[in-house]
PDB file of N, CA and C in Angstrom:
ATOM      1  N   MET A   1       0.773  -1.310  -0.052  1.00  0.00           N
ATOM      2  CA  MET A   1       0.191   0.146  -0.046  1.00  0.00           C
ATOM      3  C   MET A   1       0.969   1.363  -0.378  1.00  0.00           C
ATOM      4  N   ASN A   2       0.480   2.366  -0.431  1.00  0.00           N
ATOM      5  CA  ASN A   2       1.115   3.559  -0.569  1.00  0.00           C
ATOM      6  C   ASN A   2       0.478   4.640   0.505  1.00  0.00           C
ATOM      7  N   PHE A   3       1.356   5.222   1.163  1.00  0.00           N
ATOM      8  CA  PHE A   3       0.880   6.177   2.348  1.00  0.00           C
ATOM      9  C   PHE A   3       1.468   7.640   1.966  1.00  0.00           C
ATOM     10  N   THR A   4       0.766   8.237   2.169  1.00  0.00           N
ATOM     11  CA  THR A   4       1.349  10.079   2.196  1.00  0.00           C
ATOM     12  C   THR A   4       1.331  10.154   3.870  1.00  0.00           C
ATOM     13  N   VAL A   5       2.817  10.600   3.526  1.00  0.00           N
ATOM     14  CA  VAL A   5       3.358  10.874   5.229  1.00  0.00           C
ATOM     15  C   VAL A   5       3.793  12.074   5.277  1.00  0.00           C
ATOM     16  N   HIS A   6       3.556  13.041   6.283  1.00  0.00           N
ATOM     17  CA  HIS A   6       3.684  14.270   6.373  1.00  0.00           C
ATOM     18  C   HIS A   6       4.744  14.383   7.797  1.00  0.00           C
ATOM     19  N   VAL A   7       5.790  15.132   7.751  1.00  0.00           N
ATOM     20  CA  VAL A   7       6.728  15.502   8.882  1.00  0.00           C
ATOM     21  C   VAL A   7       6.764  16.924   9.030  1.00  0.00           C
ATOM     22  N   HIS A   8       6.429  17.013  10.038  1.00  0.00           N
ATOM     23  CA  HIS A   8       6.477  18.832  10.528  1.00  0.00           C
ATOM     24  C   HIS A   8       7.731  18.726  10.966  1.00  0.00           C
ATOM     25  N   VAL A   9       8.691  19.641  10.935  1.00  0.00           N
ATOM     26  CA  VAL A   9       9.761  19.978  11.687  1.00  0.00           C
ATOM     27  C   VAL A   9       9.835  21.313  11.827  1.00  0.00           C
ATOM     28  N   MET A  10       9.961  21.702  13.420  1.00  0.00           N
ATOM     29  CA  MET A  10       9.573  22.838  13.817  1.00  0.00           C
ATOM     30  C   MET A  10      11.102  23.171  14.787  1.00  0.00           C
ATOM     31  N   PRO A  11      11.708  24.527  14.951  1.00  0.00           N
ATOM     32  CA  PRO A  11      12.709  24.746  16.115  1.00  0.00           C
ATOM     33  C   PRO A  11      12.050  24.316  17.465  1.00  0.00           C
ATOM     34  N   LEU A  12      13.272  23.992  18.333  1.00  0.00           N
ATOM     35  CA  LEU A  12      12.453  24.014  19.603  1.00  0.00           C
ATOM     36  C   LEU A  12      12.070  25.050  20.289  1.00  0.00           C
ATOM     37  N   LYS A  13      11.225  24.948  21.180  1.00  0.00           N
ATOM     38  CA  LYS A  13      10.472  26.215  21.654  1.00  0.00           C
ATOM     39  C   LYS A  13      11.099  27.125  22.420  1.00  0.00           C
ATOM     40  N   ASP A  14      12.337  26.670  23.022  1.00  0.00           N
ATOM     41  CA  ASP A  14      13.069  27.323  23.769  1.00  0.00           C
ATOM     42  C   ASP A  14      14.309  28.061  23.014  1.00  0.00           C
ATOM     43  N   LEU A  15      14.418  27.849  21.557  1.00  0.00           N
ATOM     44  CA  LEU A  15      15.613  28.441  20.845  1.00  0.00           C
ATOM     45  C   LEU A  15      14.897  29.697  20.382  1.00  0.00           C
ATOM     46  N   LEU A  16      15.778  30.333  19.993  1.00  0.00           N
ATOM     47  CA  LEU A  16      15.420  31.708  19.150  1.00  0.00           C
ATOM     48  C   LEU A  16      15.007  31.457  17.647  1.00  0.00           C
ATOM     49  N   ASP A  17      14.311  31.727  16.997  1.00  0.00           N
ATOM     50  CA  ASP A  17      13.998  31.510  15.807  1.00  0.00           C
ATOM     51  C   ASP A  17      14.073  32.582  14.959  1.00  0.00           C
ATOM     52  N   PRO A  18      15.202  33.305  14.368  1.00  0.00           N
ATOM     53  CA  PRO A  18      15.678  34.262  13.845  1.00  0.00           C
ATOM     54  C   PRO A  18      14.413  34.881  12.607  1.00  0.00           C
ATOM     55  N   GLN A  19      14.289  33.725  11.733  1.00  0.00           N
ATOM     56  CA  GLN A  19      13.229  33.762  10.408  1.00  0.00           C
ATOM     57  C   GLN A  19      12.033  34.087  10.715  1.00  0.00           C
ATOM     58  N   GLY A  20      11.405  33.593  11.974  1.00  0.00           N
ATOM     59  CA  GLY A  20      10.215  33.789  12.623  1.00  0.00           C
ATOM     60  C   GLY A  20      10.040  35.228  13.322  1.00  0.00           C
ATOM     61  N   LYS A  21      11.337  35.710  14.028  1.00  0.00           N
ATOM     62  CA  LYS A  21      11.091  36.985  14.527  1.00  0.00           C
ATOM     63  C   LYS A  21      11.141  38.217  13.045  1.00  0.00           C
ATOM     64  N   ALA A  22      11.829  37.750  11.767  1.00  0.00           N
ATOM     65  CA  ALA A  22      11.973  38.592  10.918  1.00  0.00           C
ATOM     66  C   ALA A  22      10.411  38.749  10.468  1.00  0.00           C
ATOM     67  N   VAL A  23      10.057  37.557  10.157  1.00  0.00           N
ATOM     68  CA  VAL A  23       8.269  37.887   9.646  1.00  0.00           C
ATOM     69  C   VAL A  23       7.528  38.269  10.463  1.00  0.00           C
ATOM     70  N   LEU A  24       7.434  38.132  12.137  1.00  0.00           N
ATOM     71  CA  LEU A  24       6.932  39.081  12.746  1.00  0.00           C
ATOM     72  C   LEU A  24       7.296  40.638  12.608  1.00  0.00           C
ATOM     73  N   GLY A  25       8.111  40.908  12.577  1.00  0.00           N
ATOM     74  CA  GLY A  25       8.632  42.672  12.310  1.00  0.00           C
ATOM     75  C   GLY A  25       8.027  42.776  10.872  1.00  0.00           C
ATOM     76  N   GLY A  26       8.130  41.970   9.889  1.00  0.00           N
ATOM     77  CA  GLY A  26       7.470  42.188   8.630  1.00  0.00           C
ATOM     78  C   GLY A  26       5.900  42.405   8.715  1.00  0.00           C
ATOM     79  N   LEU A  27       5.093  41.572   9.411  1.00  0.00           N
ATOM     80  CA  LEU A  27       4.025  41.724   9.650  1.00  0.00           C
ATOM     81  C   LEU A  27       3.678  42.749  10.402  1.00  0.00           C
ATOM     82  N   SER A  28       4.360  43.386  11.233  1.00  0.00           N
ATOM     83  CA  SER A  28       4.086  44.604  11.802  1.00  0.00           C
ATOM     84  C   SER A  28       4.292  45.619  11.180  1.00  0.00           C
ATOM     85  N   SER A  29       5.298  45.648  10.396  1.00  0.00           N
ATOM     86  CA  SER A  29       5.284  47.067   9.422  1.00  0.00           C
ATOM     87  C   SER A  29       4.348  46.903   8.285  1.00  0.00           C
ATOM     88  N   LEU A  30       3.644  46.086   8.138  1.00  0.00           N
ATOM     89  CA  LEU A  30       2.454  46.059   6.957  1.00  0.00           C
ATOM     90  C   LEU A  30       1.381  46.691   8.158  1.00  0.00           C
ATOM     91  N   GLY A  31       1.230  46.482   9.311  1.00  0.00           N
ATOM     92  CA  GLY A  31       0.183  47.131  10.050  1.00  0.00           C
ATOM     93  C   GLY A  31      -0.715  46.016  10.559  1.00  0.00           C
ATOM     94  N   ILE A  32      -0.348  44.728  10.433  1.00  0.00           N
ATOM     95  CA  ILE A  32      -1.355  43.751  10.844  1.00  0.00           C
ATOM     96  C   ILE A  32      -0.699  43.539  12.366  1.00  0.00           C
ATOM     97  N   THR A  33      -1.851  43.412  12.979  1.00  0.00           N
ATOM     98  CA  THR A  33      -1.594  43.562  14.625  1.00  0.00           C
ATOM     99  C   THR A  33      -2.418  42.417  14.872  1.00  0.00           C
ATOM    100  N   GLY A  34      -2.035  41.666  16.337  1.00  0.00           N
ATOM    101  CA  GLY A  34      -2.812  40.771  16.971  1.00  0.00           C
ATOM    102  C   GLY A  34      -1.703  39.196  16.735  1.00  0.00           C
ATOM    103  N   VAL A  35      -0.884  39.307  15.984  1.00  0.00           N
ATOM    104  CA  VAL A  35       0.293  38.227  15.938  1.00  0.00           C
ATOM    105  C   VAL A  35       1.354  38.321  16.833  1.00  0.00           C
ATOM    106  N   LYS A  36       1.197  37.403  17.845  1.00  0.00           N
ATOM    107  CA  LYS A  36       2.436  37.686  18.760  1.00  0.00           C
ATOM    108  C   LYS A  36       3.449  36.897  18.542  1.00  0.00           C
ATOM    109  N   ASP A  37       3.439  35.571  17.941  1.00  0.00           N
ATOM    110  CA  ASP A  37       4.814  35.087  17.930  1.00  0.00           C
ATOM    111  C   ASP A  37       4.599  34.471  16.471  1.00  0.00           C
ATOM    112  N   VAL A  38       5.849  34.225  15.754  1.00  0.00           N
ATOM    113  CA  VAL A  38       5.830  33.202  14.487  1.00  0.00           C
ATOM    114  C   VAL A  38       7.118  32.323  14.794  1.00  0.00           C
ATOM    115  N   ARG A  39       6.902  31.297  14.215  1.00  0.00           N
ATOM    116  CA  ARG A  39       7.809  30.185  14.369  1.00  0.00           C
ATOM    117  C   ARG A  39       8.063  29.585  12.909  1.00  0.00           C
ATOM    118  N   ILE A  40       8.989  29.504  12.280  1.00  0.00           N
ATOM    119  CA  ILE A  40       9.173  29.072  10.892  1.00  0.00           C
ATOM    120  C   ILE A  40       9.762  27.634  11.010  1.00  0.00           C
ATOM    121  N   GLY A  41       9.067  26.606  10.057  1.00  0.00           N
ATOM    122  CA  GLY A  41       9.714  25.254  10.358  1.00  0.00           C
ATOM    123  C   GLY A  41       9.556  24.690   8.685  1.00  0.00           C
ATOM    124  N   LYS A  42       9.389  23.361   8.759  1.00  0.00           N
ATOM    125  CA  LYS A  42       9.276  22.878   7.169  1.00  0.00           C
ATOM    126  C   LYS A  42       8.321  21.466   7.323  1.00  0.00           C
ATOM    127  N   LYS A  43       7.763  21.409   6.496  1.00  0.00           N
ATOM    128  CA  LYS A  43       6.923  20.243   6.043  1.00  0.00           C
ATOM    129  C   LYS A  43       7.344  19.476   4.947  1.00  0.00           C
ATOM    130  N   ILE A  44       7.604  18.117   5.079  1.00  0.00           N
ATOM    131  CA  ILE A  44       8.280  17.191   4.196  1.00  0.00           C
ATOM    132  C   ILE A  44       7.009  16.061   3.996  1.00  0.00           C
ATOM    133  N   THR A  45       6.775  15.872   2.656  1.00  0.00           N
ATOM    134  CA  THR A  45       5.694  15.160   2.582  1.00  0.00           C
ATOM    135  C   THR A  45       6.545  13.768   1.991  1.00  0.00           C
ATOM    136  N   LEU A  46       6.327  12.645   2.266  1.00  0.00           N
ATOM    137  CA  LEU A  46       6.882  11.337   1.765  1.00  0.00           C
ATOM    138  C   LEU A  46       5.833  10.513   1.125  1.00  0.00           C
ATOM    139  N   ASN A  47       6.170   9.664   0.270  1.00  0.00           N
ATOM    140  CA  ASN A  47       5.329   8.751  -0.452  1.00  0.00           C
ATOM    141  C   ASN A  47       5.798   7.512   0.176  1.00  0.00           C
ATOM    142  N   VAL A  48       5.244   6.959   0.800  1.00  0.00           N
ATOM    143  CA  VAL A  48       5.911   5.576   1.328  1.00  0.00           C
ATOM    144  C   VAL A  48       5.171   4.205   0.956  1.00  0.00           C
ATOM    145  N   GLU A  49       5.734   3.590   0.323  1.00  0.00           N
ATOM    146  CA  GLU A  49       5.046   2.257   0.254  1.00  0.00           C
ATOM    147  C   GLU A  49       5.270   1.198   1.316  1.00  0.00           C
ATOM    148  N   ALA A  50       4.248   0.685   2.202  1.00  0.00           N
ATOM    149  CA  ALA A  50       4.474  -0.237   3.412  1.00  0.00           C
ATOM    150  C   ALA A  50       3.126  -1.019   3.588  1.00  0.00           C
ATOM    151  N   ALA A  51       3.228  -2.148   4.359  1.00  0.00           N
ATOM    152  CA  ALA A  51       2.208  -3.159   4.567  1.00  0.00           C
ATOM    153  C   ALA A  51       1.162  -2.267   5.289  1.00  0.00           C
ATOM    154  N   ASN A  52       1.257  -1.604   6.043  1.00  0.00           N
ATOM    155  CA  ASN A  52       0.124  -0.773   6.763  1.00  0.00           C
ATOM    156  C   ASN A  52       0.635   0.495   7.268  1.00  0.00           C
ATOM    157  N   ILE A  53      -0.171   1.012   8.003  1.00  0.00           N
ATOM    158  CA  ILE A  53      -0.147   2.304   8.459  1.00  0.00           C
ATOM    159  C   ILE A  53       1.073   2.571   9.666  1.00  0.00           C
ATOM    160  N   ASP A  54       1.329   1.587  10.300  1.00  0.00           N
ATOM    161  CA  ASP A  54       2.415   1.640  11.217  1.00  0.00           C
ATOM    162  C   ASP A  54       3.653   1.569  10.747  1.00  0.00           C
ATOM    163  N   GLN A  55       3.665   0.714   9.832  1.00  0.00           N
ATOM    164  CA  GLN A  55       5.109   0.533   9.060  1.00  0.00           C
ATOM    165  C   GLN A  55       5.374   2.003   8.200  1.00  0.00           C
ATOM    166  N   ALA A  56       4.387   2.687   7.459  1.00  0.00           N
ATOM    167  CA  ALA A  56       4.603   3.733   7.222  1.00  0.00           C
ATOM    168  C   ALA A  56       5.025   4.717   8.063  1.00  0.00           C
ATOM    169  N   ARG A  57       4.320   5.052   9.385  1.00  0.00           N
ATOM    170  CA  ARG A  57       4.817   6.042  10.485  1.00  0.00           C
ATOM    171  C   ARG A  57       6.205   5.467  10.654  1.00  0.00           C
ATOM    172  N   ALA A  58       6.631   4.359  10.981  1.00  0.00           N
ATOM    173  CA  ALA A  58       7.890   3.812  11.490  1.00  0.00           C
ATOM    174  C   ALA A  58       9.146   4.389  10.232  1.00  0.00           C
ATOM    175  N   VAL A  59       8.731   3.973   8.859  1.00  0.00           N
ATOM    176  CA  VAL A  59       9.654   4.427   8.057  1.00  0.00           C
ATOM    177  C   VAL A  59       9.765   6.282   8.343  1.00  0.00           C
ATOM    178  N   ALA A  60       8.715   6.920   8.128  1.00  0.00           N
ATOM    179  CA  ALA A  60       9.090   8.055   8.212  1.00  0.00           C
ATOM    180  C   ALA A  60       9.758   8.604   9.501  1.00  0.00           C
ATOM    181  N   ASP A  61       9.347   8.020  10.869  1.00  0.00           N
ATOM    182  CA  ASP A  61      10.061   8.324  12.053  1.00  0.00           C
ATOM    183  C   ASP A  61      11.524   8.214  11.652  1.00  0.00           C
ATOM    184  N   SER A  62      11.770   7.150  10.744  1.00  0.00           N
ATOM    185  CA  SER A  62      13.476   6.794  10.634  1.00  0.00           C
ATOM    186  C   SER A  62      13.955   8.043  10.060  1.00  0.00           C
ATOM    187  N   CYS A  63      13.017   8.229   8.868  1.00  0.00           N
ATOM    188  CA  CYS A  63      13.557   9.226   7.927  1.00  0.00           C
ATOM    189  C   CYS A  63      13.901  10.637   8.903  1.00  0.00           C
ATOM    190  N   ALA A  64      13.059  10.837   9.471  1.00  0.00           N
ATOM    191  CA  ALA A  64      13.144  12.272  10.635  1.00  0.00           C
ATOM    192  C   ALA A  64      14.316  12.221  11.518  1.00  0.00           C
ATOM    193  N   LYS A  65      14.451  10.867  12.303  1.00  0.00           N
ATOM    194  CA  LYS A  65      15.619  11.177  13.039  1.00  0.00           C
ATOM    195  C   LYS A  65      17.010  10.767  12.498  1.00  0.00           C
ATOM    196  N   GLN A  66      17.032  10.382  11.300  1.00  0.00           N
ATOM    197  CA  GLN A  66      18.254   9.988  10.728  1.00  0.00           C
ATOM    198  C   GLN A  66      18.754  11.212   9.613  1.00  0.00           C
ATOM    199  N   LEU A  67      17.736  12.104   9.267  1.00  0.00           N
ATOM    200  CA  LEU A  67      18.307  12.941   8.251  1.00  0.00           C
ATOM    201  C   LEU A  67      17.210  14.233   8.366  1.00  0.00           C
ATOM    202  N   LEU A  68      15.672  14.406   8.304  1.00  0.00           N
ATOM    203  CA  LEU A  68      15.126  15.532   8.226  1.00  0.00           C
ATOM    204  C   LEU A  68      15.192  16.671   9.503  1.00  0.00           C
ATOM    205  N   CYS A  69      15.274  16.092  10.343  1.00  0.00           N
ATOM    206  CA  CYS A  69      15.462  16.746  11.979  1.00  0.00           C
ATOM    207  C   CYS A  69      17.007  16.804  12.491  1.00  0.00           C
ATOM    208  N   ASN A  70      17.365  17.859  12.862  1.00  0.00           N
ATOM    209  CA  ASN A  70      18.527  18.013  13.642  1.00  0.00           C
ATOM    210  C   ASN A  70      17.889  18.173  15.366  1.00  0.00           C
ATOM    211  N   ALA A  71      18.192  17.051  16.255  1.00  0.00           N
ATOM    212  CA  ALA A  71      17.515  16.811  17.155  1.00  0.00           C
ATOM    213  C   ALA A  71      18.267  17.641  18.111  1.00  0.00           C
ATOM    214  N   VAL A  72      19.148  18.636  17.878  1.00  0.00           N
ATOM    215  CA  VAL A  72      19.806  19.304  18.741  1.00  0.00           C
ATOM    216  C   VAL A  72      19.000  20.983  18.862  1.00  0.00           C
ATOM    217  N   MET A  73      18.448  21.228  17.886  1.00  0.00           N
ATOM    218  CA  MET A  73      17.793  22.444  17.446  1.00  0.00           C
ATOM    219  C   MET A  73      16.286  22.307  17.055  1.00  0.00           C
ATOM    220  N   GLU A  74      15.959  20.955  16.642  1.00  0.00           N
ATOM    221  CA  GLU A  74      14.754  21.138  16.274  1.00  0.00           C
ATOM    222  C   GLU A  74      13.612  19.989  16.909  1.00  0.00           C
ATOM    223  N   TYR A  75      12.290  19.606  16.633  1.00  0.00           N
ATOM    224  CA  TYR A  75      11.740  18.475  17.011  1.00  0.00           C
ATOM    225  C   TYR A  75      10.736  18.306  15.659  1.00  0.00           C
ATOM    226  N   TYR A  76      10.196  17.093  15.627  1.00  0.00           N
ATOM    227  CA  TYR A  76       9.404  16.654  14.369  1.00  0.00           C
ATOM    228  C   TYR A  76       7.962  16.218  14.908  1.00  0.00           C
ATOM    229  N   GLU A  77       7.097  16.128  14.119  1.00  0.00           N
ATOM    230  CA  GLU A  77       6.193  15.257  14.467  1.00  0.00           C
ATOM    231  C   GLU A  77       5.333  14.570  12.785  1.00  0.00           C
ATOM    232  N   VAL A  78       4.811  13.266  13.228  1.00  0.00           N
ATOM    233  CA  VAL A  78       4.865  12.690  11.776  1.00  0.00           C
ATOM    234  C   VAL A  78       3.208  12.449  11.864  1.00  0.00           C
ATOM    235  N   HIS A  79       2.327  12.794  10.668  1.00  0.00           N
ATOM    236  CA  HIS A  79       1.253  12.521  10.396  1.00  0.00           C
ATOM    237  C   HIS A  79       0.990  11.790   9.301  1.00  0.00           C
ATOM    238  N   VAL A  80       0.073  10.425   9.370  1.00  0.00           N
ATOM    239  CA  VAL A  80       0.022   9.743   8.241  1.00  0.00           C
ATOM    240  C   VAL A  80      -1.642  10.120   7.729  1.00  0.00           C
ATOM    241  N   ASP A  81      -1.483  10.351   6.286  1.00  0.00           N
ATOM    242  CA  ASP A  81      -2.983  10.388   5.510  1.00  0.00           C
ATOM    243  C   ASP A  81      -3.701   8.878   5.875  1.00  0.00           C
ATOM    244  N   SER A  82      -4.894   8.903   6.256  1.00  0.00           N
ATOM    245  CA  SER A  82      -5.714   7.778   6.100  1.00  0.00           C
ATOM    246  C   SER A  82      -6.510   7.597   5.179  1.00  0.00           C
TER     247      SER A  82
END
């Protein structure tokens, strides 16, 4: 079976996100109010061939741990389309 798996990678909450701060400043200069914080991350979509949803999730988890996410600075979440 083929599964579409989304891996969301975000900077750790305790770390400064300079790109997010730049976007926040840009929004403010455009007169957009009400946005209190911006965090910029990555969304990676994988097309995974696996026997079941648990195997697809395990493949994506392995990809994230080994390549897609820098565990020192980022965390990730895996979502499998059903």
